[in-house]
């Protein structure tokens, strides 16, 4: 079964919503569930329904799209749209999937939707799983780019606020996601969560104790709720 992106659109201009729906009808994997000309009317819907993607106008009379996103407790993927290019930087700061400058074409709309679909696939592990099975690497979203990481080079993952740091010997990549989401892109073997904020690569464990593991010279504590991981690591390492 093909993956579907569920979405809603918010824009104070009815014509702009008509354009979204017209373009969406030609994107096979996109389902626009509802549209709103009043952003505040969309809040109860977002509280009750889980959606993948939000098409959101930036400049609206009562609240800007930027302010609206900041008010949400659970933020879906966002594609901003506006006739004013100066708002693009603020959209980037909120880690939006894309930024559509009105008037935009079907091709440009589809490109933005493809980005959102790829992110959903990565989060659910479907795309990553296919790549891993064949070539042993993943792509990590950093800002508006996807960076390639060879799994053999990945030392550990560390939660840093709303981001996860993918730590390699020569660099660190930050991706806006949770540790749980990051785990979905990793293979079932070779990585183990030892703390609510840490996932380590078993191939790079240099030393272990009942309280800690060492990756190179970095000591990482085994969290209290992960105490059973010591024995699990021993089994994995055949110690």
C-alpha atoms as a PDB file:
ATOM      1  CA  UNK A   1       0.000   0.000   0.000  1.00  0.00           C
ATOM      2  CA  UNK A   2       1.383   3.448  -0.955  1.00  0.00           C
ATOM      3  CA  UNK A   3       2.192   5.930   1.752  1.00  0.00           C
ATOM      4  CA  UNK A   4      -0.230   8.859   2.073  1.00  0.00           C
ATOM      5  CA  UNK A   5       0.443  12.326   3.459  1.00  0.00           C
ATOM      6  CA  UNK A   6      -2.546  13.697   5.363  1.00  0.00           C
ATOM      7  CA  UNK A   7      -2.715  17.480   5.387  1.00  0.00           C
ATOM      8  CA  UNK A   8      -4.730  20.608   6.078  1.00  0.00           C
ATOM      9  CA  UNK A   9      -4.328  24.077   4.604  1.00  0.00           C
ATOM     10  CA  UNK A  10      -4.741  27.465   6.300  1.00  0.00           C
ATOM     11  CA  UNK A  11      -4.934  30.718   4.334  1.00  0.00           C
ATOM     12  CA  UNK A  12      -7.128  33.772   4.805  1.00  0.00           C
ATOM     13  CA  UNK A  13      -7.624  33.977   1.025  1.00  0.00           C
ATOM     14  CA  UNK A  14     -10.180  31.430  -0.303  1.00  0.00           C
ATOM     15  CA  UNK A  15      -8.587  31.563  -3.759  1.00  0.00           C
ATOM     16  CA  UNK A  16      -5.246  30.466  -2.279  1.00  0.00           C
ATOM     17  CA  UNK A  17      -6.947  27.461  -0.687  1.00  0.00           C
ATOM     18  CA  UNK A  18      -8.539  26.635  -4.055  1.00  0.00           C
ATOM     19  CA  UNK A  19      -5.046  26.581  -5.587  1.00  0.00           C
ATOM     20  CA  UNK A  20      -3.775  24.215  -2.879  1.00  0.00           C
ATOM     21  CA  UNK A  21      -6.699  21.852  -3.424  1.00  0.00           C
ATOM     22  CA  UNK A  22      -6.356  22.035  -7.209  1.00  0.00           C
ATOM     23  CA  UNK A  23      -2.657  21.134  -7.052  1.00  0.00           C
ATOM     24  CA  UNK A  24      -3.188  18.531  -4.321  1.00  0.00           C
ATOM     25  CA  UNK A  25      -5.708  16.705  -6.500  1.00  0.00           C
ATOM     26  CA  UNK A  26      -2.847  15.965  -8.907  1.00  0.00           C
ATOM     27  CA  UNK A  27      -0.451  14.652  -6.229  1.00  0.00           C
ATOM     28  CA  UNK A  28      -1.399  11.010  -5.744  1.00  0.00           C
ATOM     29  CA  UNK A  29       0.058  10.617  -2.244  1.00  0.00           C
ATOM     30  CA  UNK A  30      -1.469  13.804  -0.767  1.00  0.00           C
ATOM     31  CA  UNK A  31      -4.827  13.978   1.010  1.00  0.00           C
ATOM     32  CA  UNK A  32      -6.111  17.434   2.003  1.00  0.00           C
ATOM     33  CA  UNK A  33      -8.494  16.639   4.837  1.00  0.00           C
ATOM     34  CA  UNK A  34      -9.654  20.184   5.620  1.00  0.00           C
ATOM     35  CA  UNK A  35      -9.065  23.848   4.779  1.00  0.00           C
ATOM     36  CA  UNK A  36      -9.453  26.950   6.949  1.00  0.00           C
ATOM     37  CA  UNK A  37      -9.568  30.680   6.257  1.00  0.00           C
ATOM     38  CA  UNK A  38      -9.353  31.361  10.020  1.00  0.00           C
ATOM     39  CA  UNK A  39      -6.239  29.972  11.700  1.00  0.00           C
ATOM     40  CA  UNK A  40      -7.908  29.868  15.112  1.00  0.00           C
ATOM     41  CA  UNK A  41     -10.638  27.578  13.785  1.00  0.00           C
ATOM     42  CA  UNK A  42      -7.939  25.111  12.796  1.00  0.00           C
ATOM     43  CA  UNK A  43      -6.577  24.743  16.321  1.00  0.00           C
ATOM     44  CA  UNK A  44      -9.370  22.422  17.632  1.00  0.00           C
ATOM     45  CA  UNK A  45      -8.962  20.291  14.515  1.00  0.00           C
ATOM     46  CA  UNK A  46      -5.215  19.969  15.094  1.00  0.00           C
ATOM     47  CA  UNK A  47      -5.821  19.096  18.732  1.00  0.00           C
ATOM     48  CA  UNK A  48      -8.202  16.280  17.836  1.00  0.00           C
ATOM     49  CA  UNK A  49      -6.711  14.986  14.585  1.00  0.00           C
ATOM     50  CA  UNK A  50      -3.215  13.809  13.762  1.00  0.00           C
ATOM     51  CA  UNK A  51      -1.976  15.052  10.406  1.00  0.00           C
ATOM     52  CA  UNK A  52       1.352  14.818   8.625  1.00  0.00           C
ATOM     53  CA  UNK A  53       1.534  18.169   6.897  1.00  0.00           C
ATOM     54  CA  UNK A  54       0.309  21.735   7.266  1.00  0.00           C
ATOM     55  CA  UNK A  55       0.136  24.171   4.335  1.00  0.00           C
ATOM     56  CA  UNK A  56       0.248  27.546   6.035  1.00  0.00           C
ATOM     57  CA  UNK A  57       0.065  31.133   4.795  1.00  0.00           C
ATOM     58  CA  UNK A  58       2.543  33.417   6.528  1.00  0.00           C
ATOM     59  CA  UNK A  59       0.771  36.772   6.429  1.00  0.00           C
ATOM     60  CA  UNK A  60      -2.749  36.541   7.886  1.00  0.00           C
ATOM     61  CA  UNK A  61      -4.791  39.306   9.573  1.00  0.00           C
ATOM     62  CA  UNK A  62      -5.149  37.993  13.138  1.00  0.00           C
ATOM     63  CA  UNK A  63      -2.018  35.883  13.540  1.00  0.00           C
ATOM     64  CA  UNK A  64       0.958  35.218  11.304  1.00  0.00           C
ATOM     65  CA  UNK A  65       1.799  31.709  10.190  1.00  0.00           C
ATOM     66  CA  UNK A  66       5.094  32.019  12.088  1.00  0.00           C
ATOM     67  CA  UNK A  67       3.277  32.890  15.335  1.00  0.00           C
ATOM     68  CA  UNK A  68       0.701  30.160  14.714  1.00  0.00           C
ATOM     69  CA  UNK A  69       3.343  27.423  14.505  1.00  0.00           C
ATOM     70  CA  UNK A  70       4.943  28.663  17.720  1.00  0.00           C
ATOM     71  CA  UNK A  71       1.575  28.288  19.483  1.00  0.00           C
ATOM     72  CA  UNK A  72       1.119  24.624  18.576  1.00  0.00           C
ATOM     73  CA  UNK A  73       1.976  21.926  21.112  1.00  0.00           C
ATOM     74  CA  UNK A  74       2.310  19.215  18.469  1.00  0.00           C
ATOM     75  CA  UNK A  75       3.742  20.620  15.254  1.00  0.00           C
ATOM     76  CA  UNK A  76       3.277  18.642  12.025  1.00  0.00           C
ATOM     77  CA  UNK A  77       5.541  19.179   9.051  1.00  0.00           C
ATOM     78  CA  UNK A  78       4.944  22.676   7.664  1.00  0.00           C
ATOM     79  CA  UNK A  79       5.090  24.123   4.167  1.00  0.00           C
ATOM     80  CA  UNK A  80       4.790  27.910   4.334  1.00  0.00           C
ATOM     81  CA  UNK A  81       3.350  29.961   1.477  1.00  0.00           C
ATOM     82  CA  UNK A  82       3.307  33.724   1.000  1.00  0.00           C
ATOM     83  CA  UNK A  83       3.737  36.459  -1.573  1.00  0.00           C
ATOM     84  CA  UNK A  84       6.459  38.057   0.565  1.00  0.00           C
ATOM     85  CA  UNK A  85       9.917  36.528   0.189  1.00  0.00           C
ATOM     86  CA  UNK A  86      11.327  38.347   3.224  1.00  0.00           C
ATOM     87  CA  UNK A  87       9.569  35.832   5.498  1.00  0.00           C
ATOM     88  CA  UNK A  88      11.575  32.902   4.147  1.00  0.00           C
ATOM     89  CA  UNK A  89      14.346  33.162   6.745  1.00  0.00           C
ATOM     90  CA  UNK A  90      11.868  32.927   9.613  1.00  0.00           C
ATOM     91  CA  UNK A  91      10.362  29.871   7.957  1.00  0.00           C
ATOM     92  CA  UNK A  92      13.797  28.274   7.797  1.00  0.00           C
ATOM     93  CA  UNK A  93      14.327  28.984  11.501  1.00  0.00           C
ATOM     94  CA  UNK A  94      11.187  26.963  12.304  1.00  0.00           C
ATOM     95  CA  UNK A  95      12.577  24.021  10.329  1.00  0.00           C
ATOM     96  CA  UNK A  96       9.827  24.156   7.732  1.00  0.00           C
ATOM     97  CA  UNK A  97       9.831  21.503   5.027  1.00  0.00           C
ATOM     98  CA  UNK A  98       9.685  24.145   2.300  1.00  0.00           C
ATOM     99  CA  UNK A  99       8.655  27.693   1.458  1.00  0.00           C
ATOM    100  CA  UNK A 100       6.366  28.391  -1.501  1.00  0.00           C
ATOM    101  CA  UNK A 101       6.438  31.882  -2.960  1.00  0.00           C
ATOM    102  CA  UNK A 102       3.059  32.825  -4.451  1.00  0.00           C
ATOM    103  CA  UNK A 103       2.108  32.358  -7.203  1.00  0.00           C
ATOM    104  CA  UNK A 104       3.672  28.915  -7.417  1.00  0.00           C
ATOM    105  CA  UNK A 105       3.341  26.229 -10.084  1.00  0.00           C
ATOM    106  CA  UNK A 106       2.163  22.633  -9.794  1.00  0.00           C
ATOM    107  CA  UNK A 107       5.758  21.527 -10.327  1.00  0.00           C
ATOM    108  CA  UNK A 108       7.002  23.644  -7.418  1.00  0.00           C
ATOM    109  CA  UNK A 109       4.107  22.469  -5.231  1.00  0.00           C
ATOM    110  CA  UNK A 110       4.887  18.842  -6.041  1.00  0.00           C
ATOM    111  CA  UNK A 111       8.574  19.334  -5.218  1.00  0.00           C
ATOM    112  CA  UNK A 112       7.608  20.586  -1.769  1.00  0.00           C
ATOM    113  CA  UNK A 113       5.249  17.639  -1.252  1.00  0.00           C
ATOM    114  CA  UNK A 114       7.971  15.202  -2.307  1.00  0.00           C
ATOM    115  CA  UNK A 115      10.244  16.629   0.382  1.00  0.00           C
ATOM    116  CA  UNK A 116       7.554  16.055   3.001  1.00  0.00           C
ATOM    117  CA  UNK A 117       6.935  12.501   1.793  1.00  0.00           C
ATOM    118  CA  UNK A 118      10.644  11.704   1.956  1.00  0.00           C
ATOM    119  CA  UNK A 119      10.827  12.985   5.533  1.00  0.00           C
ATOM    120  CA  UNK A 120       7.848  10.830   6.529  1.00  0.00           C
ATOM    121  CA  UNK A 121       9.462   7.809   4.880  1.00  0.00           C
ATOM    122  CA  UNK A 122      12.711   8.439   6.719  1.00  0.00           C
ATOM    123  CA  UNK A 123      10.906   8.837  10.033  1.00  0.00           C
ATOM    124  CA  UNK A 124       8.999   5.611   9.604  1.00  0.00           C
ATOM    125  CA  UNK A 125      12.064   3.779   8.424  1.00  0.00           C
ATOM    126  CA  UNK A 126      10.639   2.571   5.125  1.00  0.00           C
ATOM    127  CA  UNK A 127      13.066   4.417   2.886  1.00  0.00           C
ATOM    128  CA  UNK A 128      15.939   4.067   5.347  1.00  0.00           C
ATOM    129  CA  UNK A 129      15.308   0.338   5.673  1.00  0.00           C
ATOM    130  CA  UNK A 130      15.635  -0.195   1.932  1.00  0.00           C
ATOM    131  CA  UNK A 131      18.865   1.803   1.816  1.00  0.00           C
ATOM    132  CA  UNK A 132      20.339   0.088   4.867  1.00  0.00           C
ATOM    133  CA  UNK A 133      19.619  -3.392   3.576  1.00  0.00           C
ATOM    134  CA  UNK A 134      21.493  -2.666   0.376  1.00  0.00           C
ATOM    135  CA  UNK A 135      24.282  -0.220   1.130  1.00  0.00           C
ATOM    136  CA  UNK A 136      24.641   0.398   4.884  1.00  0.00           C
ATOM    137  CA  UNK A 137      23.985   4.131   5.151  1.00  0.00           C
ATOM    138  CA  UNK A 138      21.240   6.553   6.104  1.00  0.00           C
ATOM    139  CA  UNK A 139      20.349  10.104   5.173  1.00  0.00           C
ATOM    140  CA  UNK A 140      19.897  12.589   8.009  1.00  0.00           C
ATOM    141  CA  UNK A 141      17.895  15.797   7.549  1.00  0.00           C
ATOM    142  CA  UNK A 142      19.906  18.826   8.657  1.00  0.00           C
ATOM    143  CA  UNK A 143      17.976  22.017   8.011  1.00  0.00           C
ATOM    144  CA  UNK A 144      16.872  21.811   4.376  1.00  0.00           C
ATOM    145  CA  UNK A 145      19.460  19.229   3.366  1.00  0.00           C
ATOM    146  CA  UNK A 146      19.822  15.474   3.661  1.00  0.00           C
ATOM    147  CA  UNK A 147      23.319  14.339   4.617  1.00  0.00           C
ATOM    148  CA  UNK A 148      24.642  10.845   4.074  1.00  0.00           C
ATOM    149  CA  UNK A 149      26.070   8.923   7.048  1.00  0.00           C
ATOM    150  CA  UNK A 150      27.747   5.546   6.753  1.00  0.00           C
ATOM    151  CA  UNK A 151      26.521   3.464   9.684  1.00  0.00           C
ATOM    152  CA  UNK A 152      29.992   2.013  10.294  1.00  0.00           C
ATOM    153  CA  UNK A 153      31.192   5.573  11.060  1.00  0.00           C
ATOM    154  CA  UNK A 154      28.349   6.500  13.425  1.00  0.00           C
ATOM    155  CA  UNK A 155      29.565   6.437  17.054  1.00  0.00           C
ATOM    156  CA  UNK A 156      26.460   7.453  18.988  1.00  0.00           C
ATOM    157  CA  UNK A 157      23.351   9.637  19.023  1.00  0.00           C
ATOM    158  CA  UNK A 158      22.679  12.241  21.683  1.00  0.00           C
ATOM    159  CA  UNK A 159      19.487  14.208  22.344  1.00  0.00           C
ATOM    160  CA  UNK A 160      20.081  17.956  22.494  1.00  0.00           C
ATOM    161  CA  UNK A 161      16.809  19.746  23.228  1.00  0.00           C
ATOM    162  CA  UNK A 162      14.578  19.424  20.164  1.00  0.00           C
ATOM    163  CA  UNK A 163      17.476  18.006  18.159  1.00  0.00           C
ATOM    164  CA  UNK A 164      19.438  14.780  17.904  1.00  0.00           C
ATOM    165  CA  UNK A 165      23.194  14.908  17.374  1.00  0.00           C
ATOM    166  CA  UNK A 166      24.605  12.201  15.111  1.00  0.00           C
ATOM    167  CA  UNK A 167      28.192  11.946  16.365  1.00  0.00           C
ATOM    168  CA  UNK A 168      30.956  10.646  14.117  1.00  0.00           C
ATOM    169  CA  UNK A 169      34.701  10.673  14.699  1.00  0.00           C
ATOM    170  CA  UNK A 170      35.228  13.734  12.509  1.00  0.00           C
ATOM    171  CA  UNK A 171      31.964  15.671  12.799  1.00  0.00           C
ATOM    172  CA  UNK A 172      28.567  16.053  14.437  1.00  0.00           C
ATOM    173  CA  UNK A 173      25.279  16.515  12.560  1.00  0.00           C
ATOM    174  CA  UNK A 174      22.184  18.038  14.182  1.00  0.00           C
ATOM    175  CA  UNK A 175      18.720  16.968  13.059  1.00  0.00           C
ATOM    176  CA  UNK A 176      15.431  18.301  14.440  1.00  0.00           C
ATOM    177  CA  UNK A 177      13.794  15.109  15.716  1.00  0.00           C
ATOM    178  CA  UNK A 178      13.490  12.965  18.835  1.00  0.00           C
ATOM    179  CA  UNK A 179      15.677  10.016  19.795  1.00  0.00           C
ATOM    180  CA  UNK A 180      12.689   7.731  19.198  1.00  0.00           C
ATOM    181  CA  UNK A 181      12.281   9.071  15.661  1.00  0.00           C
ATOM    182  CA  UNK A 182      16.005   8.662  15.022  1.00  0.00           C
ATOM    183  CA  UNK A 183      15.881   5.039  16.181  1.00  0.00           C
ATOM    184  CA  UNK A 184      13.286   4.293  13.501  1.00  0.00           C
ATOM    185  CA  UNK A 185      15.858   5.079  10.799  1.00  0.00           C
ATOM    186  CA  UNK A 186      18.514   2.758  12.284  1.00  0.00           C
ATOM    187  CA  UNK A 187      18.784  -0.999  11.750  1.00  0.00           C
ATOM    188  CA  UNK A 188      17.501  -3.340  14.434  1.00  0.00           C
ATOM    189  CA  UNK A 189      21.002  -4.576  15.166  1.00  0.00           C
ATOM    190  CA  UNK A 190      24.187  -2.675  15.878  1.00  0.00           C
ATOM    191  CA  UNK A 191      22.666   0.168  17.904  1.00  0.00           C
ATOM    192  CA  UNK A 192      21.305   0.134  21.435  1.00  0.00           C
ATOM    193  CA  UNK A 193      19.622   2.751  23.596  1.00  0.00           C
ATOM    194  CA  UNK A 194      21.346   3.025  26.980  1.00  0.00           C
ATOM    195  CA  UNK A 195      19.781   6.259  28.225  1.00  0.00           C
ATOM    196  CA  UNK A 196      16.756   8.374  27.331  1.00  0.00           C
ATOM    197  CA  UNK A 197      19.222  10.754  25.655  1.00  0.00           C
ATOM    198  CA  UNK A 198      21.740   8.306  24.156  1.00  0.00           C
ATOM    199  CA  UNK A 199      21.885   5.560  21.546  1.00  0.00           C
ATOM    200  CA  UNK A 200      25.297   3.935  21.049  1.00  0.00           C
ATOM    201  CA  UNK A 201      26.823   1.880  18.261  1.00  0.00           C
ATOM    202  CA  UNK A 202      27.859  -1.448  19.777  1.00  0.00           C
ATOM    203  CA  UNK A 203      30.762  -1.774  17.315  1.00  0.00           C
ATOM    204  CA  UNK A 204      32.377   1.334  18.841  1.00  0.00           C
ATOM    205  CA  UNK A 205      32.000   0.417  22.525  1.00  0.00           C
ATOM    206  CA  UNK A 206      35.513   0.439  24.011  1.00  0.00           C
ATOM    207  CA  UNK A 207      34.629  -0.417  27.603  1.00  0.00           C
ATOM    208  CA  UNK A 208      31.509  -1.191  29.654  1.00  0.00           C
ATOM    209  CA  UNK A 209      30.516  -1.264  33.296  1.00  0.00           C
ATOM    210  CA  UNK A 210      27.143  -1.624  35.002  1.00  0.00           C
ATOM    211  CA  UNK A 211      26.834   2.163  35.057  1.00  0.00           C
ATOM    212  CA  UNK A 212      28.488   3.320  31.843  1.00  0.00           C
ATOM    213  CA  UNK A 213      29.715   2.579  28.361  1.00  0.00           C
ATOM    214  CA  UNK A 214      32.711   4.233  26.723  1.00  0.00           C
ATOM    215  CA  UNK A 215      32.737   5.271  23.082  1.00  0.00           C
ATOM    216  CA  UNK A 216      36.340   6.253  22.398  1.00  0.00           C
ATOM    217  CA  UNK A 217      37.056   8.607  25.317  1.00  0.00           C
ATOM    218  CA  UNK A 218      33.419   9.598  25.898  1.00  0.00           C
ATOM    219  CA  UNK A 219      31.800   8.035  28.954  1.00  0.00           C
ATOM    220  CA  UNK A 220      28.036   7.617  28.554  1.00  0.00           C
ATOM    221  CA  UNK A 221      25.955   6.723  31.587  1.00  0.00           C
ATOM    222  CA  UNK A 222      23.447   3.879  31.439  1.00  0.00           C
ATOM    223  CA  UNK A 223      20.149   5.402  32.558  1.00  0.00           C
ATOM    224  CA  UNK A 224      18.329   4.071  35.602  1.00  0.00           C
ATOM    225  CA  UNK A 225      15.429   2.842  33.472  1.00  0.00           C
ATOM    226  CA  UNK A 226      17.906   1.077  31.161  1.00  0.00           C
ATOM    227  CA  UNK A 227      19.769  -0.941  33.807  1.00  0.00           C
ATOM    228  CA  UNK A 228      19.059  -4.180  31.979  1.00  0.00           C
ATOM    229  CA  UNK A 229      21.067  -2.883  29.032  1.00  0.00           C
ATOM    230  CA  UNK A 230      24.342  -3.930  30.686  1.00  0.00           C
ATOM    231  CA  UNK A 231      23.525  -7.615  30.298  1.00  0.00           C
ATOM    232  CA  UNK A 232      22.005  -7.004  26.862  1.00  0.00           C
ATOM    233  CA  UNK A 233      25.224  -5.318  25.725  1.00  0.00           C
ATOM    234  CA  UNK A 234      27.281  -8.207  27.074  1.00  0.00           C
ATOM    235  CA  UNK A 235      25.183 -10.653  25.081  1.00  0.00           C
ATOM    236  CA  UNK A 236      25.422  -8.516  21.950  1.00  0.00           C
ATOM    237  CA  UNK A 237      29.190  -8.280  22.312  1.00  0.00           C
ATOM    238  CA  UNK A 238      29.417 -11.980  23.284  1.00  0.00           C
ATOM    239  CA  UNK A 239      31.288 -11.101  26.479  1.00  0.00           C
END
